[in-house]
């Protein structure tokens, strides 16, 4: 008999209860009785992952890094965690096993993200991640983005993902897995200067 089965991760505070009933005959004599109930537990190793927050939340936090004098021109992963002096924000999702930190280095005008694993899994809703609304001034100056550390195998919504990135000329999405994506509406809209788009995957 299989009492409980899950293919997801479990938590230290998680508990599961069972109820056991006994059917006794009318002719059972009074007294004390003993028996055994044996439980077998089978567990598998869980692969811990870094999971990004949803697209709109990422967009809000990316824009929050900019000031009137410090604008983002590049986006890429850092090989080291942010220095204490950097004003970093967290961009991991609630189910992430690792922190993902995002900050702007004004010396090279680069927005860096850092997490321990090499790979970051994007949220199922990764819409509007780099979306720049036409009447806003935030993230209007981005010239380069390196997305090679992103795993998109679980993404279903990429709508407006790069919309209005008007200064970007090259975009490499050759490693993107779009097998589960159902919405790509306006994904590349208003990218007026885009001349090279690699979607060879």
Protein backbone atom coordinates (compact mmCIF):
# COMPACT_ATOMS: atom_id res chain seq x y z
CA UNK A 1 0.00 0.00 0.00
CA UNK A 2 1.40 3.41 -1.01
CA UNK A 3 0.48 5.96 1.69
CA UNK A 4 2.34 8.99 0.33
CA UNK A 5 4.32 9.75 -2.80
CA UNK A 6 5.76 13.00 -4.14
CA UNK A 7 8.24 13.90 -6.86
CA UNK A 8 8.82 17.39 -5.43
CA UNK A 9 11.03 18.49 -2.59
CA UNK A 10 9.85 18.31 1.00
CA UNK A 11 10.67 20.65 3.88
CA UNK A 12 12.07 20.08 7.37
CA UNK A 13 8.86 21.36 8.97
CA UNK A 14 6.56 19.25 6.80
CA UNK A 15 4.48 16.60 8.56
CA UNK A 16 2.11 13.96 7.25
CA UNK A 17 -0.41 12.06 9.34
CA UNK A 18 -2.26 8.79 8.83
CA UNK A 19 -5.23 7.27 10.62
CA UNK A 20 -5.43 3.55 11.33
CA UNK A 21 -8.66 1.71 12.09
CA UNK A 22 -9.03 -1.83 13.44
CA UNK A 23 -12.00 -4.09 12.82
CA UNK A 24 -12.43 -6.41 15.80
CA UNK A 25 -14.62 -9.46 16.00
CA UNK A 26 -17.47 -9.69 18.53
CA UNK A 27 -15.93 -12.79 20.06
CA UNK A 28 -12.58 -11.18 20.95
CA UNK A 29 -11.79 -11.77 24.58
CA UNK A 30 -10.83 -8.83 26.76
CA UNK A 31 -7.14 -8.36 27.42
CA UNK A 32 -3.97 -6.75 26.02
CA UNK A 33 -2.85 -7.49 22.48
CA UNK A 34 0.30 -6.48 20.58
CA UNK A 35 1.22 -6.38 16.92
CA UNK A 36 3.59 -4.55 14.58
CA UNK A 37 3.03 -2.00 11.84
CA UNK A 38 6.08 -1.66 9.58
CA UNK A 39 6.72 1.48 7.50
CA UNK A 40 9.19 1.57 4.62
CA UNK A 41 10.50 4.96 3.50
CA UNK A 42 12.21 5.47 0.16
CA UNK A 43 13.82 8.82 -0.59
CA UNK A 44 15.69 10.19 -3.57
CA UNK A 45 18.27 12.94 -3.74
CA UNK A 46 16.75 16.33 -4.54
CA UNK A 47 18.66 18.58 -6.91
CA UNK A 48 18.72 22.06 -5.41
CA UNK A 49 18.15 24.83 -7.95
CA UNK A 50 18.26 28.60 -8.27
CA UNK A 51 14.84 29.79 -9.43
CA UNK A 52 14.23 33.31 -10.70
CA UNK A 53 11.29 35.42 -9.56
CA UNK A 54 8.53 36.06 -12.10
CA UNK A 55 9.16 38.36 -15.05
CA UNK A 56 7.22 41.47 -13.92
CA UNK A 57 8.85 41.38 -10.47
CA UNK A 58 12.31 40.99 -12.02
CA UNK A 59 11.55 43.96 -14.27
CA UNK A 60 10.58 46.14 -11.32
CA UNK A 61 13.72 45.25 -9.38
CA UNK A 62 16.01 45.75 -12.38
CA UNK A 63 14.57 49.22 -12.96
CA UNK A 64 14.93 50.08 -9.27
CA UNK A 65 18.73 49.87 -9.60
CA UNK A 66 18.93 52.91 -11.84
CA UNK A 67 19.28 56.48 -10.66
CA UNK A 68 19.25 59.78 -12.51
CA UNK A 69 23.02 59.52 -13.10
CA UNK A 70 23.62 55.74 -13.10
CA UNK A 71 22.03 53.89 -16.01
CA UNK A 72 22.36 50.21 -16.93
CA UNK A 73 24.19 49.49 -20.19
CA UNK A 74 24.99 45.79 -19.71
CA UNK A 75 23.51 42.76 -17.97
CA UNK A 76 25.48 39.63 -17.11
CA UNK A 77 26.31 37.11 -14.40
CA UNK A 78 29.06 37.85 -11.90
CA UNK A 79 31.55 35.22 -10.80
CA UNK A 80 31.58 36.63 -7.27
CA UNK A 81 28.95 37.76 -4.80
CA UNK A 82 28.30 41.50 -4.50
CA UNK A 83 30.49 43.57 -2.22
CA UNK A 84 28.87 44.82 0.96
CA UNK A 85 28.99 48.35 -0.44
CA UNK A 86 26.73 47.41 -3.36
CA UNK A 87 23.01 47.99 -2.98
CA UNK A 88 21.92 44.50 -4.06
CA UNK A 89 18.36 43.18 -4.25
CA UNK A 90 17.07 39.62 -4.16
CA UNK A 91 15.50 38.27 -7.35
CA UNK A 92 14.95 34.60 -6.51
CA UNK A 93 11.49 33.04 -6.47
CA UNK A 94 9.82 31.74 -3.32
CA UNK A 95 10.64 28.11 -4.20
CA UNK A 96 14.31 28.78 -4.95
CA UNK A 97 16.91 26.86 -2.96
CA UNK A 98 19.49 29.61 -3.44
CA UNK A 99 19.62 33.37 -3.19
CA UNK A 100 19.98 35.30 -6.44
CA UNK A 101 21.40 38.79 -5.96
CA UNK A 102 21.16 41.67 -8.43
CA UNK A 103 23.05 44.96 -8.33
CA UNK A 104 24.36 47.78 -10.48
CA UNK A 105 28.08 48.52 -10.62
CA UNK A 106 28.26 52.19 -11.62
CA UNK A 107 31.93 51.93 -12.63
CA UNK A 108 31.16 49.80 -15.70
CA UNK A 109 27.40 50.48 -15.86
CA UNK A 110 26.66 46.77 -15.61
CA UNK A 111 23.78 45.09 -13.80
CA UNK A 112 25.21 41.89 -12.37
CA UNK A 113 23.40 38.92 -10.90
CA UNK A 114 25.02 36.26 -8.74
CA UNK A 115 24.00 32.87 -7.37
CA UNK A 116 25.99 29.79 -6.40
CA UNK A 117 24.83 27.41 -9.18
CA UNK A 118 25.96 27.93 -12.75
CA UNK A 119 22.38 27.78 -13.99
CA UNK A 120 19.33 29.88 -13.09
CA UNK A 121 15.90 28.47 -13.94
CA UNK A 122 13.50 31.13 -15.15
CA UNK A 123 9.98 31.28 -13.75
CA UNK A 124 7.07 29.88 -15.77
CA UNK A 125 5.94 33.51 -16.13
CA UNK A 126 8.99 35.26 -17.57
CA UNK A 127 6.99 37.91 -19.39
CA UNK A 128 8.25 41.51 -19.54
CA UNK A 129 11.59 40.74 -17.90
CA UNK A 130 13.45 43.47 -19.81
CA UNK A 131 10.40 45.40 -20.97
CA UNK A 132 10.91 49.15 -21.12
CA UNK A 133 7.66 51.12 -21.29
CA UNK A 134 7.92 53.82 -23.93
CA UNK A 135 7.05 56.69 -21.57
CA UNK A 136 9.50 55.61 -18.85
CA UNK A 137 13.22 56.31 -18.73
CA UNK A 138 14.37 53.18 -16.88
CA UNK A 139 16.51 50.55 -18.67
CA UNK A 140 16.43 52.50 -21.93
CA UNK A 141 20.22 52.39 -22.37
CA UNK A 142 20.93 48.65 -22.29
CA UNK A 143 23.36 47.71 -25.07
CA UNK A 144 24.29 44.13 -24.14
CA UNK A 145 22.65 41.28 -22.24
CA UNK A 146 24.19 37.88 -21.56
CA UNK A 147 21.49 35.29 -20.87
CA UNK A 148 23.68 32.20 -21.26
CA UNK A 149 23.21 31.26 -17.60
CA UNK A 150 19.42 31.07 -17.88
CA UNK A 151 17.48 27.80 -18.26
CA UNK A 152 14.09 28.38 -19.89
CA UNK A 153 12.88 24.78 -19.99
CA UNK A 154 9.94 25.49 -17.65
CA UNK A 155 8.85 28.84 -19.10
CA UNK A 156 5.36 29.11 -20.57
CA UNK A 157 5.04 32.90 -20.97
CA UNK A 158 7.69 35.01 -22.73
CA UNK A 159 5.36 37.77 -23.88
CA UNK A 160 6.98 41.20 -24.02
CA UNK A 161 10.21 39.74 -22.67
CA UNK A 162 12.48 42.17 -24.58
CA UNK A 163 9.90 44.65 -25.79
CA UNK A 164 11.14 48.22 -26.38
CA UNK A 165 14.83 47.45 -25.81
CA UNK A 166 15.47 50.03 -28.50
CA UNK A 167 19.28 50.26 -28.17
CA UNK A 168 20.01 46.54 -28.25
CA UNK A 169 21.61 45.50 -31.56
CA UNK A 170 22.44 41.83 -30.88
CA UNK A 171 20.46 39.20 -28.98
CA UNK A 172 21.65 35.61 -28.58
CA UNK A 173 18.88 33.20 -27.60
CA UNK A 174 20.49 30.14 -29.20
CA UNK A 175 20.34 28.20 -25.92
CA UNK A 176 16.70 29.01 -25.13
CA UNK A 177 14.40 25.99 -24.70
CA UNK A 178 10.93 27.15 -25.74
CA UNK A 179 9.26 23.73 -25.81
CA UNK A 180 6.71 24.72 -23.14
CA UNK A 181 6.14 28.33 -24.19
CA UNK A 182 2.57 29.14 -25.19
CA UNK A 183 2.76 32.95 -25.29
CA UNK A 184 5.42 34.93 -27.18
CA UNK A 185 3.25 37.95 -27.95
CA UNK A 186 5.21 41.19 -28.50
CA UNK A 187 8.38 39.43 -27.37
CA UNK A 188 10.57 41.51 -29.72
CA UNK A 189 8.31 44.49 -30.38
CA UNK A 190 9.84 47.97 -30.81
CA UNK A 191 13.44 46.71 -30.86
CA UNK A 192 14.24 49.24 -33.55
CA UNK A 193 18.03 48.73 -33.67
CA UNK A 194 18.13 44.94 -33.42
CA UNK A 195 20.16 43.63 -36.37
CA UNK A 196 21.27 40.18 -35.13
CA UNK A 197 18.91 37.70 -33.49
CA UNK A 198 20.15 34.15 -32.88
CA UNK A 199 17.30 31.70 -32.25
CA UNK A 200 19.07 28.70 -33.76
CA UNK A 201 18.01 26.35 -30.98
